[in-house]
C-alpha cells in the first residue's frame, strides 16, 4: 500500500533531503507499536494531468534516517497513536520550477507494525493511494517537507471521472463501493 502527494517547485533545483511525519499501529490491543528497523523508500513521479504519472526518480532507500517522537498524538477511530518525525537524504533529484511532481514515501519493513503517513492541513487537498492497482485520487494532503521551495495548491486538479454526472453513474449491485470525489462535478440527485 503506497500513498503519494503532489508539489510544485518555485525554482529550478535539486532535492537531496526531506522530512516527513507518521505513526505506527498494529490495529490490535493495545493499538500502539513502535518503530523496529524502518526501511523507507522515496519515489518521485511526473504529473499526468492531476494524477500520478511515470516515475521521475527513484525509488531510493532513504539514507540518514532519524525517527523520533514529536510529542503529538494522532487520534483515529482505532485509538490514539504517537506521531514520529523523520529526516533523510537521497541522491539529487532535479526538478523544474512551475512543474508539478508527486512524491511517495513508503515503509517497506515487513512486520506486524504498520506505518501510516500523517496528513497535513496545508496543501491542495489532492493526494493518491495505490493498493496495488495503480494510484487513485484521495482528498487529503500528506505531511512532508523538502530542502527546496515549493508551492501548494497550484498543481492541476485531477480529471473528472468518466461517470462524472449522476445520470451516467454505474449502479452498485453488491454491497457498498468506496470512491473518491476529487475532481468530480456536483450535480442534482
N, C-alpha and C. Protein backbone atom coordinates (compact mmCIF):
# COMPACT_ATOMS: atom_id res chain seq x y z
N UNK A 1 0.84 -1.18 0.00
CA UNK A 1 0.00 0.00 0.00
C UNK A 1 0.88 1.23 0.00
N UNK A 2 0.72 2.12 -0.97
CA UNK A 2 1.50 3.35 -1.06
C UNK A 2 0.56 4.53 -1.22
N UNK A 3 1.02 5.68 -0.76
CA UNK A 3 0.30 6.93 -1.00
C UNK A 3 1.28 7.94 -1.56
N UNK A 4 0.77 8.94 -2.27
CA UNK A 4 1.61 9.97 -2.88
C UNK A 4 0.92 11.32 -2.73
N UNK A 5 1.73 12.38 -2.70
CA UNK A 5 1.19 13.74 -2.66
C UNK A 5 1.94 14.56 -3.69
N UNK A 6 1.31 15.64 -4.17
CA UNK A 6 1.91 16.46 -5.21
C UNK A 6 2.57 17.71 -4.64
N UNK A 7 3.49 18.28 -5.41
CA UNK A 7 4.15 19.54 -5.07
C UNK A 7 4.65 20.19 -6.34
N UNK A 8 4.83 21.52 -6.30
CA UNK A 8 5.31 22.27 -7.45
C UNK A 8 6.47 23.17 -7.01
N UNK A 9 7.71 22.88 -7.47
CA UNK A 9 8.86 23.72 -7.11
C UNK A 9 8.68 25.15 -7.60
N UNK A 10 9.15 26.10 -6.80
CA UNK A 10 9.08 27.51 -7.20
C UNK A 10 10.36 27.95 -7.89
N UNK A 11 11.42 27.11 -7.83
CA UNK A 11 12.69 27.40 -8.51
C UNK A 11 13.22 26.10 -9.11
N UNK A 12 14.08 26.22 -10.12
CA UNK A 12 14.81 25.04 -10.60
C UNK A 12 15.78 24.64 -9.51
N UNK A 13 15.79 23.37 -9.13
CA UNK A 13 16.63 22.95 -8.00
C UNK A 13 16.83 21.45 -8.03
N UNK A 14 17.59 20.95 -7.05
CA UNK A 14 17.77 19.52 -6.85
C UNK A 14 17.38 19.18 -5.42
N UNK A 15 16.55 18.17 -5.27
CA UNK A 15 16.13 17.70 -3.95
C UNK A 15 17.12 16.65 -3.48
N UNK A 16 17.65 16.82 -2.27
CA UNK A 16 18.54 15.82 -1.69
C UNK A 16 18.11 15.42 -0.28
N UNK A 17 17.30 16.25 0.38
CA UNK A 17 16.88 15.95 1.74
C UNK A 17 15.38 16.15 1.88
N UNK A 18 14.78 15.42 2.79
CA UNK A 18 13.36 15.56 3.04
C UNK A 18 13.05 15.20 4.49
N UNK A 19 11.88 15.62 4.93
CA UNK A 19 11.38 15.24 6.25
C UNK A 19 9.90 14.88 6.09
N UNK A 20 9.41 14.03 7.00
CA UNK A 20 8.01 13.63 6.95
C UNK A 20 7.58 13.14 8.32
N UNK A 21 6.28 12.95 8.50
CA UNK A 21 5.71 12.59 9.78
C UNK A 21 4.76 11.41 9.59
N UNK A 22 4.69 10.54 10.61
CA UNK A 22 3.80 9.40 10.53
C UNK A 22 3.63 8.73 11.89
N UNK A 23 2.89 7.63 11.91
CA UNK A 23 2.67 6.91 13.16
C UNK A 23 2.56 5.42 12.88
N UNK A 24 2.61 4.62 13.95
CA UNK A 24 2.62 3.17 13.85
C UNK A 24 1.40 2.58 14.53
N UNK A 25 0.88 1.50 13.97
CA UNK A 25 -0.24 0.81 14.59
C UNK A 25 -0.27 -0.63 14.12
N UNK A 26 -0.69 -1.51 15.02
CA UNK A 26 -0.99 -2.89 14.60
C UNK A 26 -2.49 -3.11 14.59
N UNK A 27 -3.26 -2.04 14.93
CA UNK A 27 -4.72 -2.06 14.98
C UNK A 27 -5.24 -3.23 15.81
N UNK A 28 -4.42 -3.61 16.80
CA UNK A 28 -4.83 -4.66 17.73
C UNK A 28 -4.96 -4.07 19.12
N UNK A 29 -4.77 -4.91 20.14
CA UNK A 29 -4.85 -4.46 21.52
C UNK A 29 -3.51 -4.73 22.18
N UNK A 30 -2.81 -3.76 22.70
CA UNK A 30 -3.12 -2.34 22.58
C UNK A 30 -2.78 -1.84 21.17
N UNK A 31 -3.32 -0.68 20.76
CA UNK A 31 -3.13 -0.22 19.39
C UNK A 31 -1.73 0.31 19.11
N UNK A 32 -0.91 0.57 20.14
CA UNK A 32 0.42 1.15 19.90
C UNK A 32 1.43 0.07 19.54
N UNK A 33 2.33 0.38 18.65
CA UNK A 33 3.54 -0.40 18.42
C UNK A 33 4.62 0.61 18.06
N UNK A 34 5.85 0.20 18.04
CA UNK A 34 6.96 1.14 17.89
C UNK A 34 7.79 0.82 16.66
N UNK A 35 8.59 1.82 16.20
CA UNK A 35 9.45 1.58 15.04
C UNK A 35 10.46 0.47 15.33
N UNK A 36 10.65 -0.42 14.36
CA UNK A 36 11.61 -1.51 14.51
C UNK A 36 12.38 -1.67 13.19
N UNK A 37 13.49 -0.96 13.04
CA UNK A 37 14.32 -1.10 11.85
C UNK A 37 13.64 -0.68 10.57
N UNK A 38 13.10 0.52 10.55
CA UNK A 38 12.39 1.01 9.37
C UNK A 38 13.26 0.99 8.11
N UNK A 39 12.63 0.72 7.00
CA UNK A 39 13.27 0.74 5.69
C UNK A 39 12.36 1.53 4.75
N UNK A 40 12.58 2.85 4.67
CA UNK A 40 11.74 3.73 3.85
C UNK A 40 12.32 3.88 2.45
N UNK A 41 11.43 3.92 1.46
CA UNK A 41 11.82 4.25 0.10
C UNK A 41 11.05 5.49 -0.35
N UNK A 42 11.70 6.29 -1.17
CA UNK A 42 11.11 7.51 -1.70
C UNK A 42 11.15 7.43 -3.23
N UNK A 43 10.01 7.72 -3.85
CA UNK A 43 9.93 7.73 -5.31
C UNK A 43 9.29 9.05 -5.74
N UNK A 44 9.83 9.66 -6.78
CA UNK A 44 9.28 10.88 -7.36
C UNK A 44 8.65 10.53 -8.71
N UNK A 45 7.48 11.10 -8.96
CA UNK A 45 6.74 10.84 -10.20
C UNK A 45 6.47 12.15 -10.93
N UNK A 46 6.33 12.06 -12.25
CA UNK A 46 5.86 13.18 -13.03
C UNK A 46 4.34 13.27 -12.88
N UNK A 47 3.80 14.43 -13.15
CA UNK A 47 2.35 14.62 -13.10
C UNK A 47 1.75 14.23 -14.45
N UNK A 48 0.58 13.63 -14.39
CA UNK A 48 -0.15 13.26 -15.61
C UNK A 48 -1.53 13.89 -15.55
N UNK A 49 -1.60 15.21 -15.71
CA UNK A 49 -2.87 15.92 -15.72
C UNK A 49 -3.62 15.86 -14.40
N UNK A 50 -2.90 16.03 -13.31
CA UNK A 50 -3.52 15.99 -11.99
C UNK A 50 -3.52 14.62 -11.35
N UNK A 51 -2.83 13.67 -11.96
CA UNK A 51 -2.73 12.31 -11.43
C UNK A 51 -1.26 11.89 -11.41
N UNK A 52 -0.96 10.82 -10.68
CA UNK A 52 0.40 10.30 -10.62
C UNK A 52 0.76 9.72 -11.98
N UNK A 53 1.89 10.20 -12.54
CA UNK A 53 2.36 9.75 -13.85
C UNK A 53 3.54 8.81 -13.73
N UNK A 54 4.39 8.77 -14.77
CA UNK A 54 5.55 7.87 -14.75
C UNK A 54 6.59 8.29 -13.72
N UNK A 55 7.43 7.35 -13.32
CA UNK A 55 8.50 7.60 -12.34
C UNK A 55 9.47 8.63 -12.90
N UNK A 56 9.78 9.65 -12.11
CA UNK A 56 10.76 10.67 -12.45
C UNK A 56 12.13 10.30 -11.87
N UNK A 57 12.15 9.80 -10.62
CA UNK A 57 13.41 9.40 -9.97
C UNK A 57 13.10 8.44 -8.83
N UNK A 58 14.04 7.51 -8.59
CA UNK A 58 13.86 6.56 -7.51
C UNK A 58 13.31 5.25 -8.07
N UNK A 59 12.92 4.36 -7.18
CA UNK A 59 12.85 4.55 -5.73
C UNK A 59 14.23 4.55 -5.09
N UNK A 60 14.37 5.37 -4.06
CA UNK A 60 15.59 5.48 -3.28
C UNK A 60 15.35 4.93 -1.88
N UNK A 61 16.31 4.16 -1.37
CA UNK A 61 16.30 3.85 0.06
C UNK A 61 16.84 5.08 0.74
N UNK A 62 16.10 5.62 1.70
CA UNK A 62 16.48 6.88 2.33
C UNK A 62 17.62 6.65 3.29
N UNK A 63 18.70 7.42 3.11
CA UNK A 63 19.88 7.33 3.97
C UNK A 63 19.78 8.35 5.10
N UNK A 64 20.46 8.06 6.21
CA UNK A 64 20.49 9.01 7.32
C UNK A 64 19.17 9.13 8.03
N UNK A 65 18.36 8.06 7.99
CA UNK A 65 17.03 8.10 8.59
C UNK A 65 17.12 8.33 10.09
N UNK A 66 16.35 9.29 10.57
CA UNK A 66 16.26 9.56 12.00
C UNK A 66 14.79 9.65 12.37
N UNK A 67 14.38 8.83 13.33
CA UNK A 67 12.99 8.86 13.77
C UNK A 67 12.95 9.25 15.24
N UNK A 68 12.02 10.10 15.57
CA UNK A 68 11.85 10.47 16.96
C UNK A 68 10.43 10.92 17.20
N UNK A 69 9.92 10.68 18.42
CA UNK A 69 8.55 11.12 18.71
C UNK A 69 8.45 12.64 18.69
N UNK A 70 7.34 13.16 18.18
CA UNK A 70 7.13 14.61 18.13
C UNK A 70 6.48 15.14 19.40
N UNK A 71 5.92 14.23 20.21
CA UNK A 71 5.17 14.65 21.39
C UNK A 71 3.70 14.88 21.08
N UNK A 72 3.31 14.71 19.81
CA UNK A 72 1.92 14.88 19.41
C UNK A 72 1.24 13.51 19.32
N UNK A 73 -0.07 13.51 19.43
CA UNK A 73 -0.86 12.29 19.34
C UNK A 73 -1.79 12.39 18.15
N UNK A 74 -1.84 11.32 17.35
CA UNK A 74 -2.76 11.22 16.23
C UNK A 74 -3.96 10.42 16.72
N UNK A 75 -5.15 10.99 16.60
CA UNK A 75 -6.37 10.30 17.05
C UNK A 75 -7.12 9.79 15.83
N UNK A 76 -7.41 8.48 15.83
CA UNK A 76 -8.18 7.86 14.76
C UNK A 76 -9.32 7.06 15.39
N UNK A 77 -10.15 6.49 14.58
CA UNK A 77 -11.23 5.64 15.07
C UNK A 77 -10.71 4.40 15.77
N UNK A 78 -9.44 4.03 15.51
CA UNK A 78 -8.86 2.84 16.13
C UNK A 78 -8.10 3.17 17.41
N UNK A 79 -8.01 4.45 17.79
CA UNK A 79 -7.31 4.82 19.03
C UNK A 79 -6.39 6.00 18.83
N UNK A 80 -5.55 6.24 19.83
CA UNK A 80 -4.57 7.33 19.82
C UNK A 80 -3.19 6.76 19.55
N UNK A 81 -2.42 7.46 18.70
CA UNK A 81 -1.11 6.98 18.29
C UNK A 81 -0.07 8.09 18.43
N UNK A 82 1.13 7.73 18.89
CA UNK A 82 2.22 8.69 18.98
C UNK A 82 2.73 9.00 17.58
N UNK A 83 2.91 10.30 17.27
CA UNK A 83 3.45 10.71 15.98
C UNK A 83 4.97 10.73 16.04
N UNK A 84 5.62 10.35 14.93
CA UNK A 84 7.08 10.37 14.80
C UNK A 84 7.46 11.28 13.64
N UNK A 85 8.64 11.91 13.76
CA UNK A 85 9.18 12.71 12.66
C UNK A 85 10.41 12.01 12.11
N UNK A 86 10.66 12.20 10.82
CA UNK A 86 11.77 11.55 10.13
C UNK A 86 12.50 12.56 9.27
N UNK A 87 13.79 12.38 9.14
CA UNK A 87 14.58 13.15 8.17
C UNK A 87 15.49 12.17 7.45
N UNK A 88 15.77 12.46 6.20
CA UNK A 88 16.63 11.57 5.44
C UNK A 88 17.16 12.25 4.20
N UNK A 89 18.06 11.56 3.51
CA UNK A 89 18.64 12.10 2.28
C UNK A 89 18.71 11.00 1.23
N UNK A 90 18.87 11.43 -0.02
CA UNK A 90 18.98 10.51 -1.14
C UNK A 90 19.76 11.22 -2.24
N UNK A 91 20.15 10.52 -3.33
CA UNK A 91 20.83 11.19 -4.44
C UNK A 91 19.99 12.35 -4.98
N UNK A 92 20.65 13.34 -5.55
CA UNK A 92 19.98 14.54 -6.05
C UNK A 92 18.94 14.21 -7.12
N UNK A 93 17.77 14.85 -6.98
CA UNK A 93 16.69 14.73 -7.96
C UNK A 93 16.41 16.12 -8.51
N UNK A 94 16.70 16.33 -9.80
CA UNK A 94 16.49 17.64 -10.43
C UNK A 94 15.00 17.85 -10.69
N UNK A 95 14.53 19.05 -10.32
CA UNK A 95 13.14 19.44 -10.57
C UNK A 95 13.13 20.83 -11.19
N UNK A 96 12.06 21.13 -11.92
CA UNK A 96 11.94 22.38 -12.66
C UNK A 96 10.83 23.24 -12.07
N UNK A 97 11.10 24.52 -11.94
CA UNK A 97 10.10 25.46 -11.41
C UNK A 97 8.83 25.40 -12.25
N UNK A 98 7.67 25.45 -11.56
CA UNK A 98 6.40 25.50 -12.25
C UNK A 98 5.91 24.17 -12.79
N UNK A 99 6.63 23.08 -12.53
CA UNK A 99 6.23 21.76 -12.98
C UNK A 99 5.69 20.98 -11.78
N UNK A 100 4.59 20.30 -11.94
CA UNK A 100 4.00 19.52 -10.86
C UNK A 100 4.64 18.14 -10.80
N UNK A 101 5.00 17.70 -9.58
CA UNK A 101 5.57 16.38 -9.33
C UNK A 101 4.77 15.71 -8.22
N UNK A 102 4.98 14.41 -8.07
CA UNK A 102 4.38 13.64 -6.97
C UNK A 102 5.49 12.95 -6.21
N UNK A 103 5.32 12.78 -4.90
CA UNK A 103 6.28 12.08 -4.07
C UNK A 103 5.55 10.98 -3.30
N UNK A 104 6.17 9.81 -3.24
CA UNK A 104 5.65 8.70 -2.45
C UNK A 104 6.72 8.29 -1.45
N UNK A 105 6.36 8.17 -0.19
CA UNK A 105 7.25 7.71 0.87
C UNK A 105 6.62 6.45 1.44
N UNK A 106 7.32 5.32 1.33
CA UNK A 106 6.76 4.04 1.74
C UNK A 106 7.69 3.34 2.71
N UNK A 107 7.14 2.81 3.79
CA UNK A 107 7.91 1.99 4.72
C UNK A 107 7.77 0.55 4.25
N UNK A 108 8.89 -0.03 3.78
CA UNK A 108 8.84 -1.37 3.22
C UNK A 108 9.21 -2.44 4.23
N UNK A 109 9.39 -2.06 5.50
CA UNK A 109 9.68 -3.04 6.53
C UNK A 109 8.48 -3.96 6.69
N UNK A 110 8.73 -5.26 6.68
CA UNK A 110 7.63 -6.20 6.88
C UNK A 110 7.62 -6.61 8.34
N UNK A 111 6.60 -6.20 9.04
CA UNK A 111 6.44 -6.51 10.46
C UNK A 111 4.96 -6.42 10.79
N UNK A 112 4.63 -6.78 12.01
CA UNK A 112 3.25 -6.68 12.45
C UNK A 112 2.85 -5.25 12.77
N UNK A 113 3.79 -4.33 12.64
CA UNK A 113 3.56 -2.93 12.97
C UNK A 113 3.48 -2.12 11.68
N UNK A 114 2.31 -1.59 11.37
CA UNK A 114 2.06 -0.84 10.15
C UNK A 114 2.42 0.63 10.35
N UNK A 115 3.14 1.23 9.38
CA UNK A 115 3.44 2.66 9.43
C UNK A 115 2.46 3.40 8.52
N UNK A 116 1.90 4.50 9.03
CA UNK A 116 0.96 5.32 8.27
C UNK A 116 1.47 6.75 8.20
N UNK A 117 1.41 7.35 7.01
CA UNK A 117 1.88 8.72 6.78
C UNK A 117 0.85 9.69 7.32
N UNK A 118 1.30 10.65 8.15
CA UNK A 118 0.39 11.65 8.73
C UNK A 118 -0.16 12.56 7.65
N UNK A 119 -1.36 13.07 7.88
CA UNK A 119 -1.95 14.05 6.97
C UNK A 119 -1.58 15.45 7.41
N UNK A 120 -1.79 16.40 6.52
CA UNK A 120 -1.44 17.80 6.77
C UNK A 120 -2.64 18.69 6.49
N UNK A 121 -2.81 19.76 7.28
CA UNK A 121 -3.90 20.69 7.00
C UNK A 121 -3.58 21.63 5.83
N UNK A 122 -2.32 21.65 5.38
CA UNK A 122 -1.90 22.55 4.29
C UNK A 122 -1.87 21.80 2.97
N UNK A 123 -2.09 22.52 1.89
CA UNK A 123 -1.98 21.93 0.57
C UNK A 123 -3.21 22.15 -0.26
N UNK A 124 -3.35 21.32 -1.30
CA UNK A 124 -4.44 21.48 -2.26
C UNK A 124 -5.52 20.42 -2.12
N UNK A 125 -5.46 19.62 -1.04
CA UNK A 125 -6.44 18.55 -0.78
C UNK A 125 -6.43 17.48 -1.87
N UNK A 126 -5.30 17.29 -2.54
CA UNK A 126 -5.15 16.24 -3.54
C UNK A 126 -3.99 15.34 -3.16
N UNK A 127 -4.23 14.05 -3.08
CA UNK A 127 -3.19 13.05 -2.90
C UNK A 127 -3.67 11.82 -3.66
N UNK A 128 -2.96 10.70 -3.53
CA UNK A 128 -3.34 9.49 -4.26
C UNK A 128 -2.96 8.26 -3.45
N UNK A 129 -3.74 7.21 -3.59
CA UNK A 129 -3.48 5.94 -2.92
C UNK A 129 -3.30 4.84 -3.96
N UNK A 130 -2.36 3.92 -3.68
CA UNK A 130 -2.14 2.78 -4.56
C UNK A 130 -2.15 1.51 -3.71
N UNK A 131 -3.18 0.72 -3.82
CA UNK A 131 -3.28 -0.53 -3.09
C UNK A 131 -2.89 -1.69 -3.99
N UNK A 132 -2.07 -1.45 -4.98
CA UNK A 132 -1.60 -2.50 -5.88
C UNK A 132 -2.24 -2.46 -7.25
N UNK A 133 -3.20 -1.56 -7.46
CA UNK A 133 -3.87 -1.50 -8.76
C UNK A 133 -3.68 -0.18 -9.47
N UNK A 134 -2.68 0.61 -9.09
CA UNK A 134 -2.47 1.92 -9.68
C UNK A 134 -3.03 3.00 -8.77
N UNK A 135 -2.46 4.19 -8.83
CA UNK A 135 -2.86 5.28 -7.95
C UNK A 135 -4.24 5.82 -8.31
N UNK A 136 -5.06 6.05 -7.29
CA UNK A 136 -6.37 6.68 -7.46
C UNK A 136 -6.42 7.90 -6.55
N UNK A 137 -7.16 8.95 -6.93
CA UNK A 137 -7.18 10.20 -6.16
C UNK A 137 -7.76 10.03 -4.76
N UNK A 138 -7.24 10.83 -3.83
CA UNK A 138 -7.76 10.95 -2.47
C UNK A 138 -7.87 12.42 -2.16
N UNK A 139 -8.67 12.77 -1.17
CA UNK A 139 -8.90 14.20 -0.90
C UNK A 139 -8.32 14.65 0.44
N UNK A 140 -7.01 14.45 0.62
CA UNK A 140 -6.30 14.96 1.78
C UNK A 140 -4.86 15.20 1.39
N UNK A 141 -4.13 15.93 2.22
CA UNK A 141 -2.70 16.18 1.98
C UNK A 141 -1.87 15.42 2.99
N UNK A 142 -0.62 15.14 2.63
CA UNK A 142 0.29 14.41 3.49
C UNK A 142 1.36 15.34 4.05
N UNK A 143 1.89 15.00 5.22
CA UNK A 143 2.83 15.85 5.94
C UNK A 143 4.27 15.53 5.52
N UNK A 144 4.87 16.45 4.73
CA UNK A 144 6.27 16.28 4.32
C UNK A 144 6.88 17.65 4.03
N UNK A 145 8.20 17.71 4.01
CA UNK A 145 8.94 18.90 3.64
C UNK A 145 10.14 18.50 2.80
N UNK A 146 10.59 19.41 1.95
CA UNK A 146 11.73 19.17 1.07
C UNK A 146 12.76 20.27 1.29
N UNK A 147 14.00 20.03 0.85
CA UNK A 147 15.04 21.05 1.00
C UNK A 147 15.05 22.06 -0.15
N UNK A 148 13.90 22.22 -0.81
CA UNK A 148 13.71 23.24 -1.85
C UNK A 148 12.42 23.98 -1.54
N UNK A 149 12.23 25.14 -2.15
CA UNK A 149 10.97 25.87 -2.01
C UNK A 149 9.95 25.28 -2.96
N UNK A 150 8.75 25.02 -2.44
CA UNK A 150 7.69 24.55 -3.31
C UNK A 150 6.37 25.14 -2.86
N UNK A 151 5.45 25.30 -3.82
CA UNK A 151 4.15 25.89 -3.53
C UNK A 151 3.11 24.82 -3.30
N UNK A 152 1.99 25.24 -2.74
CA UNK A 152 0.87 24.33 -2.54
C UNK A 152 -0.35 24.87 -3.28
N UNK A 153 -1.19 24.00 -3.74
CA UNK A 153 -2.44 24.40 -4.36
C UNK A 153 -2.34 24.83 -5.80
N UNK A 154 -1.18 24.64 -6.45
CA UNK A 154 -1.06 25.11 -7.82
C UNK A 154 -0.95 23.98 -8.84
N UNK A 155 -0.86 22.73 -8.40
CA UNK A 155 -0.85 21.62 -9.34
C UNK A 155 -2.25 21.45 -9.92
N UNK A 156 -2.36 20.94 -11.14
CA UNK A 156 -3.69 20.80 -11.74
C UNK A 156 -4.57 19.84 -10.95
N UNK A 157 -5.85 20.11 -10.96
CA UNK A 157 -6.80 19.21 -10.31
C UNK A 157 -6.89 17.92 -11.12
N UNK A 158 -7.17 16.80 -10.44
CA UNK A 158 -7.31 15.56 -11.20
C UNK A 158 -8.48 15.64 -12.17
N UNK A 159 -8.41 14.88 -13.25
CA UNK A 159 -9.51 14.92 -14.23
C UNK A 159 -10.81 14.38 -13.62
N UNK A 160 -11.93 14.85 -14.13
CA UNK A 160 -13.23 14.34 -13.67
C UNK A 160 -13.37 12.88 -14.06
N UNK A 161 -13.99 12.08 -13.21
CA UNK A 161 -14.20 10.67 -13.55
C UNK A 161 -15.07 10.52 -14.80
N UNK A 162 -14.96 9.37 -15.47
CA UNK A 162 -15.72 9.13 -16.70
C UNK A 162 -17.23 9.19 -16.45
N UNK A 163 -17.66 8.76 -15.28
CA UNK A 163 -19.10 8.80 -14.97
C UNK A 163 -19.37 9.95 -13.99
N UNK A 164 -18.92 11.15 -14.38
CA UNK A 164 -18.98 12.34 -13.53
C UNK A 164 -20.41 12.79 -13.23
N UNK A 165 -21.32 12.57 -14.13
CA UNK A 165 -22.70 13.00 -13.93
C UNK A 165 -23.49 11.87 -13.26
N UNK A 166 -24.30 12.22 -12.27
CA UNK A 166 -25.08 11.20 -11.56
C UNK A 166 -25.92 10.35 -12.50
N UNK A 167 -26.44 10.94 -13.57
CA UNK A 167 -27.25 10.20 -14.52
C UNK A 167 -26.47 9.13 -15.26
N UNK A 168 -25.13 9.27 -15.31
CA UNK A 168 -24.29 8.29 -16.00
C UNK A 168 -23.57 7.36 -15.04
N UNK A 169 -23.79 7.51 -13.75
CA UNK A 169 -23.07 6.72 -12.75
C UNK A 169 -23.43 5.25 -12.86
N UNK A 170 -22.42 4.40 -12.64
CA UNK A 170 -22.66 2.96 -12.65
C UNK A 170 -23.38 2.56 -11.37
N UNK A 171 -24.34 1.66 -11.48
CA UNK A 171 -25.10 1.20 -10.33
C UNK A 171 -24.28 0.26 -9.46
N UNK A 172 -24.54 0.28 -8.16
CA UNK A 172 -23.90 -0.64 -7.23
C UNK A 172 -24.86 -1.81 -7.03
N UNK A 173 -24.39 -3.01 -7.34
CA UNK A 173 -25.28 -4.16 -7.27
C UNK A 173 -24.95 -5.10 -6.12
N UNK A 174 -23.76 -5.00 -5.54
CA UNK A 174 -23.37 -5.93 -4.49
C UNK A 174 -22.61 -5.19 -3.40
N UNK A 175 -23.27 -4.78 -2.33
CA UNK A 175 -22.61 -4.13 -1.22
C UNK A 175 -22.28 -2.68 -1.52
N UNK A 176 -21.47 -2.10 -0.68
CA UNK A 176 -21.08 -0.70 -0.83
C UNK A 176 -19.84 -0.56 -1.68
N UNK A 177 -19.64 0.60 -2.23
CA UNK A 177 -18.48 0.90 -3.05
C UNK A 177 -17.88 2.21 -2.58
N UNK A 178 -16.61 2.20 -2.16
CA UNK A 178 -15.91 3.43 -1.80
C UNK A 178 -15.35 4.07 -3.06
N UNK A 179 -15.43 5.38 -3.15
CA UNK A 179 -14.91 6.06 -4.33
C UNK A 179 -14.48 7.46 -3.95
N UNK A 180 -13.44 7.99 -4.61
CA UNK A 180 -13.03 9.36 -4.35
C UNK A 180 -13.93 10.34 -5.08
N UNK A 181 -14.07 11.54 -4.55
CA UNK A 181 -14.86 12.58 -5.21
C UNK A 181 -13.98 13.73 -5.69
N UNK A 182 -12.65 13.58 -5.62
CA UNK A 182 -11.75 14.62 -6.06
C UNK A 182 -11.94 14.84 -7.57
N UNK A 183 -12.17 16.06 -7.96
CA UNK A 183 -12.34 16.41 -9.36
C UNK A 183 -13.73 16.17 -9.91
N UNK A 184 -14.63 15.61 -9.10
CA UNK A 184 -15.98 15.34 -9.57
C UNK A 184 -16.80 16.63 -9.59
N UNK A 185 -17.76 16.71 -10.49
CA UNK A 185 -18.61 17.87 -10.63
C UNK A 185 -19.89 17.67 -9.82
N UNK A 186 -20.25 18.63 -8.97
CA UNK A 186 -21.52 18.49 -8.23
C UNK A 186 -22.70 18.45 -9.19
N UNK A 187 -23.69 17.64 -8.88
CA UNK A 187 -24.89 17.60 -9.70
C UNK A 187 -26.09 17.25 -8.83
N UNK A 188 -27.28 17.57 -9.32
CA UNK A 188 -28.50 17.26 -8.57
C UNK A 188 -28.72 15.76 -8.57
N UNK A 189 -29.34 15.27 -7.52
CA UNK A 189 -29.59 13.81 -7.45
C UNK A 189 -30.70 13.41 -8.32
